Amino acid sequence: MSMPTKYGFKWGACELSRLCSHNKNVFIELKTDRASIYVHVTPSGLLRIQQISGSYRSVKVLVKSPKPPKEGA
């Protein structure tokens, strides 16, 4: 169950907060006890992610999995 905060909500071990918006860009923060990241959403929908705190091992970036092969190929 999530719990509202002043600028977002806490859900389990993480807290999500809106930071600001400027010229149709949106900035949010995702924070845990071990690390925090900023997510910048551009007007065209691109996501730019920046680690703000925590060790480099506390944040793992997963690569998009390849499409499964087509049947009969």
N, C-alpha and C. Protein backbone atom coordinates (compact mmCIF):
# COMPACT_ATOMS: atom_id res chain seq x y z
N MET A 1 0.85 -1.18 0.00
CA MET A 1 0.00 0.00 0.00
C MET A 1 0.89 1.24 0.00
N SER A 2 0.57 2.22 -0.82
CA SER A 2 1.38 3.43 -0.88
C SER A 2 0.89 4.46 0.14
N MET A 3 1.82 5.35 0.53
CA MET A 3 1.50 6.38 1.49
C MET A 3 1.85 7.74 0.88
N PRO A 4 0.92 8.66 0.77
CA PRO A 4 1.20 9.96 0.17
C PRO A 4 2.23 10.76 0.97
N THR A 5 3.07 11.51 0.25
CA THR A 5 3.99 12.47 0.86
C THR A 5 3.64 13.84 0.29
N LYS A 6 4.39 14.86 0.65
CA LYS A 6 4.08 16.21 0.20
C LYS A 6 4.13 16.33 -1.33
N TYR A 7 5.13 15.68 -1.97
CA TYR A 7 5.29 15.81 -3.42
C TYR A 7 5.27 14.47 -4.15
N GLY A 8 4.74 13.43 -3.56
CA GLY A 8 4.71 12.13 -4.21
C GLY A 8 4.11 11.07 -3.30
N PHE A 9 4.79 9.92 -3.24
CA PHE A 9 4.31 8.85 -2.37
C PHE A 9 5.44 7.90 -2.02
N LYS A 10 5.27 7.20 -0.90
CA LYS A 10 6.17 6.13 -0.49
C LYS A 10 5.46 4.82 -0.78
N TRP A 11 6.23 3.88 -1.33
CA TRP A 11 5.66 2.58 -1.66
C TRP A 11 6.71 1.53 -1.38
N GLY A 12 6.50 0.75 -0.34
CA GLY A 12 7.50 -0.24 0.05
C GLY A 12 8.79 0.43 0.46
N ALA A 13 9.90 0.02 -0.17
CA ALA A 13 11.22 0.55 0.18
C ALA A 13 11.59 1.80 -0.60
N CYS A 14 10.69 2.33 -1.44
CA CYS A 14 11.08 3.49 -2.24
C CYS A 14 10.13 4.66 -2.03
N GLU A 15 10.63 5.83 -2.39
CA GLU A 15 9.85 7.06 -2.36
C GLU A 15 9.98 7.74 -3.71
N LEU A 16 8.85 8.09 -4.31
CA LEU A 16 8.82 8.76 -5.59
C LEU A 16 8.34 10.18 -5.37
N SER A 17 9.09 11.16 -5.87
CA SER A 17 8.72 12.56 -5.67
C SER A 17 8.84 13.33 -6.97
N ARG A 18 7.89 14.21 -7.21
CA ARG A 18 8.03 15.13 -8.34
C ARG A 18 8.96 16.25 -7.90
N LEU A 19 9.86 16.65 -8.77
CA LEU A 19 10.79 17.72 -8.42
C LEU A 19 10.35 19.02 -9.06
N CYS A 20 10.24 19.05 -10.38
CA CYS A 20 9.82 20.27 -11.06
C CYS A 20 9.49 19.97 -12.51
N SER A 21 8.97 20.96 -13.19
CA SER A 21 8.79 20.89 -14.64
C SER A 21 9.21 22.24 -15.20
N HIS A 22 9.77 22.20 -16.42
CA HIS A 22 10.26 23.43 -17.04
C HIS A 22 10.23 23.23 -18.55
N ASN A 23 9.57 24.12 -19.26
CA ASN A 23 9.47 24.03 -20.72
C ASN A 23 9.06 22.64 -21.19
N LYS A 24 8.04 22.07 -20.57
CA LYS A 24 7.48 20.75 -20.88
C LYS A 24 8.41 19.59 -20.54
N ASN A 25 9.51 19.84 -19.84
CA ASN A 25 10.37 18.79 -19.30
C ASN A 25 9.90 18.50 -17.89
N VAL A 26 9.91 17.23 -17.49
CA VAL A 26 9.46 16.82 -16.17
C VAL A 26 10.61 16.12 -15.46
N PHE A 27 10.79 16.42 -14.17
CA PHE A 27 11.85 15.83 -13.38
C PHE A 27 11.25 15.17 -12.14
N ILE A 28 11.59 13.88 -11.93
CA ILE A 28 11.14 13.17 -10.74
C ILE A 28 12.34 12.48 -10.08
N GLU A 29 12.20 12.17 -8.81
CA GLU A 29 13.25 11.48 -8.06
C GLU A 29 12.70 10.18 -7.52
N LEU A 30 13.49 9.13 -7.65
CA LEU A 30 13.17 7.82 -7.07
C LEU A 30 14.26 7.53 -6.06
N LYS A 31 13.86 7.36 -4.79
CA LYS A 31 14.84 7.27 -3.71
C LYS A 31 14.57 6.06 -2.84
N THR A 32 15.67 5.36 -2.47
CA THR A 32 15.61 4.29 -1.48
C THR A 32 16.64 4.60 -0.41
N ASP A 33 16.77 3.71 0.57
CA ASP A 33 17.80 3.91 1.59
C ASP A 33 19.20 3.76 1.02
N ARG A 34 19.34 3.03 -0.09
CA ARG A 34 20.66 2.74 -0.66
C ARG A 34 21.06 3.64 -1.82
N ALA A 35 20.12 4.23 -2.52
CA ALA A 35 20.46 5.03 -3.69
C ALA A 35 19.30 5.94 -4.07
N SER A 36 19.59 6.93 -4.92
CA SER A 36 18.53 7.75 -5.49
C SER A 36 18.91 8.12 -6.92
N ILE A 37 17.87 8.24 -7.76
CA ILE A 37 18.08 8.62 -9.14
C ILE A 37 17.10 9.72 -9.51
N TYR A 38 17.50 10.55 -10.46
CA TYR A 38 16.62 11.53 -11.07
C TYR A 38 16.20 10.98 -12.42
N VAL A 39 14.94 11.15 -12.75
CA VAL A 39 14.44 10.79 -14.07
C VAL A 39 13.96 12.07 -14.73
N HIS A 40 14.54 12.37 -15.89
CA HIS A 40 14.18 13.56 -16.66
C HIS A 40 13.41 13.06 -17.88
N VAL A 41 12.17 13.49 -18.02
CA VAL A 41 11.34 13.11 -19.16
C VAL A 41 11.26 14.32 -20.09
N THR A 42 11.75 14.15 -21.31
CA THR A 42 11.76 15.24 -22.28
C THR A 42 10.39 15.39 -22.93
N PRO A 43 10.13 16.52 -23.58
CA PRO A 43 8.83 16.70 -24.25
C PRO A 43 8.55 15.63 -25.31
N SER A 44 9.59 15.07 -25.91
CA SER A 44 9.38 14.03 -26.93
C SER A 44 9.22 12.64 -26.32
N GLY A 45 9.32 12.53 -24.98
CA GLY A 45 9.11 11.25 -24.31
C GLY A 45 10.36 10.47 -23.99
N LEU A 46 11.55 11.02 -24.28
CA LEU A 46 12.79 10.33 -23.92
C LEU A 46 12.99 10.35 -22.41
N LEU A 47 13.59 9.29 -21.89
CA LEU A 47 13.92 9.23 -20.46
C LEU A 47 15.43 9.40 -20.30
N ARG A 48 15.82 10.31 -19.46
CA ARG A 48 17.24 10.50 -19.12
C ARG A 48 17.36 10.25 -17.63
N ILE A 49 18.19 9.28 -17.27
CA ILE A 49 18.29 8.85 -15.88
C ILE A 49 19.68 9.16 -15.36
N GLN A 50 19.74 9.76 -14.17
CA GLN A 50 21.01 10.13 -13.55
C GLN A 50 21.02 9.62 -12.11
N GLN A 51 22.08 8.88 -11.77
CA GLN A 51 22.22 8.42 -10.39
C GLN A 51 22.74 9.57 -9.54
N ILE A 52 22.10 9.83 -8.43
CA ILE A 52 22.46 10.95 -7.56
C ILE A 52 23.24 10.49 -6.35
N SER A 53 22.87 9.37 -5.75
CA SER A 53 23.59 8.90 -4.57
C SER A 53 23.63 7.38 -4.56
N GLY A 54 24.48 6.84 -3.72
CA GLY A 54 24.63 5.39 -3.61
C GLY A 54 25.83 4.91 -4.40
N SER A 55 26.26 3.70 -4.10
CA SER A 55 27.40 3.14 -4.81
C SER A 55 26.98 2.74 -6.22
N TYR A 56 27.96 2.58 -7.10
CA TYR A 56 27.62 2.25 -8.48
C TYR A 56 26.96 0.88 -8.58
N ARG A 57 27.15 0.03 -7.58
CA ARG A 57 26.52 -1.29 -7.57
C ARG A 57 25.08 -1.25 -7.09
N SER A 58 24.65 -0.14 -6.50
CA SER A 58 23.28 -0.08 -5.97
C SER A 58 22.24 0.19 -7.05
N VAL A 59 22.69 0.58 -8.26
CA VAL A 59 21.78 0.80 -9.38
C VAL A 59 22.23 -0.07 -10.54
N LYS A 60 21.34 -0.91 -11.04
CA LYS A 60 21.65 -1.77 -12.19
C LYS A 60 20.79 -1.35 -13.36
N VAL A 61 21.41 -1.22 -14.51
CA VAL A 61 20.69 -0.86 -15.72
C VAL A 61 20.49 -2.13 -16.53
N LEU A 62 19.26 -2.46 -16.80
CA LEU A 62 18.95 -3.65 -17.59
C LEU A 62 18.73 -3.24 -19.04
N VAL A 63 19.27 -4.02 -19.93
CA VAL A 63 19.13 -3.75 -21.35
C VAL A 63 17.82 -4.36 -21.84
N LYS A 64 17.17 -3.67 -22.75
CA LYS A 64 15.92 -4.19 -23.30
C LYS A 64 16.19 -5.55 -23.94
N SER A 65 15.35 -6.50 -23.61
CA SER A 65 15.55 -7.85 -24.13
C SER A 65 15.21 -7.89 -25.62
N PRO A 66 15.91 -8.72 -26.38
CA PRO A 66 15.63 -8.79 -27.81
C PRO A 66 14.26 -9.42 -28.06
N LYS A 67 13.71 -9.15 -29.24
CA LYS A 67 12.42 -9.72 -29.59
C LYS A 67 12.56 -11.23 -29.75
N PRO A 68 11.57 -11.98 -29.32
CA PRO A 68 11.64 -13.44 -29.51
C PRO A 68 11.59 -13.77 -30.99
N PRO A 69 12.21 -14.89 -31.39
CA PRO A 69 12.17 -15.25 -32.81
C PRO A 69 10.75 -15.59 -33.25
N LYS A 70 10.48 -15.31 -34.52
CA LYS A 70 9.15 -15.61 -35.07
C LYS A 70 9.01 -17.12 -35.23
N GLU A 71 7.79 -17.59 -35.03
CA GLU A 71 7.54 -19.03 -35.18
C GLU A 71 7.72 -19.42 -36.64
N GLY A 72 8.34 -20.58 -36.85
CA GLY A 72 8.55 -21.09 -38.19
C GLY A 72 9.75 -20.49 -38.90
N ALA A 73 10.51 -19.64 -38.21
CA ALA A 73 11.69 -19.03 -38.84
C ALA A 73 12.93 -19.86 -38.61
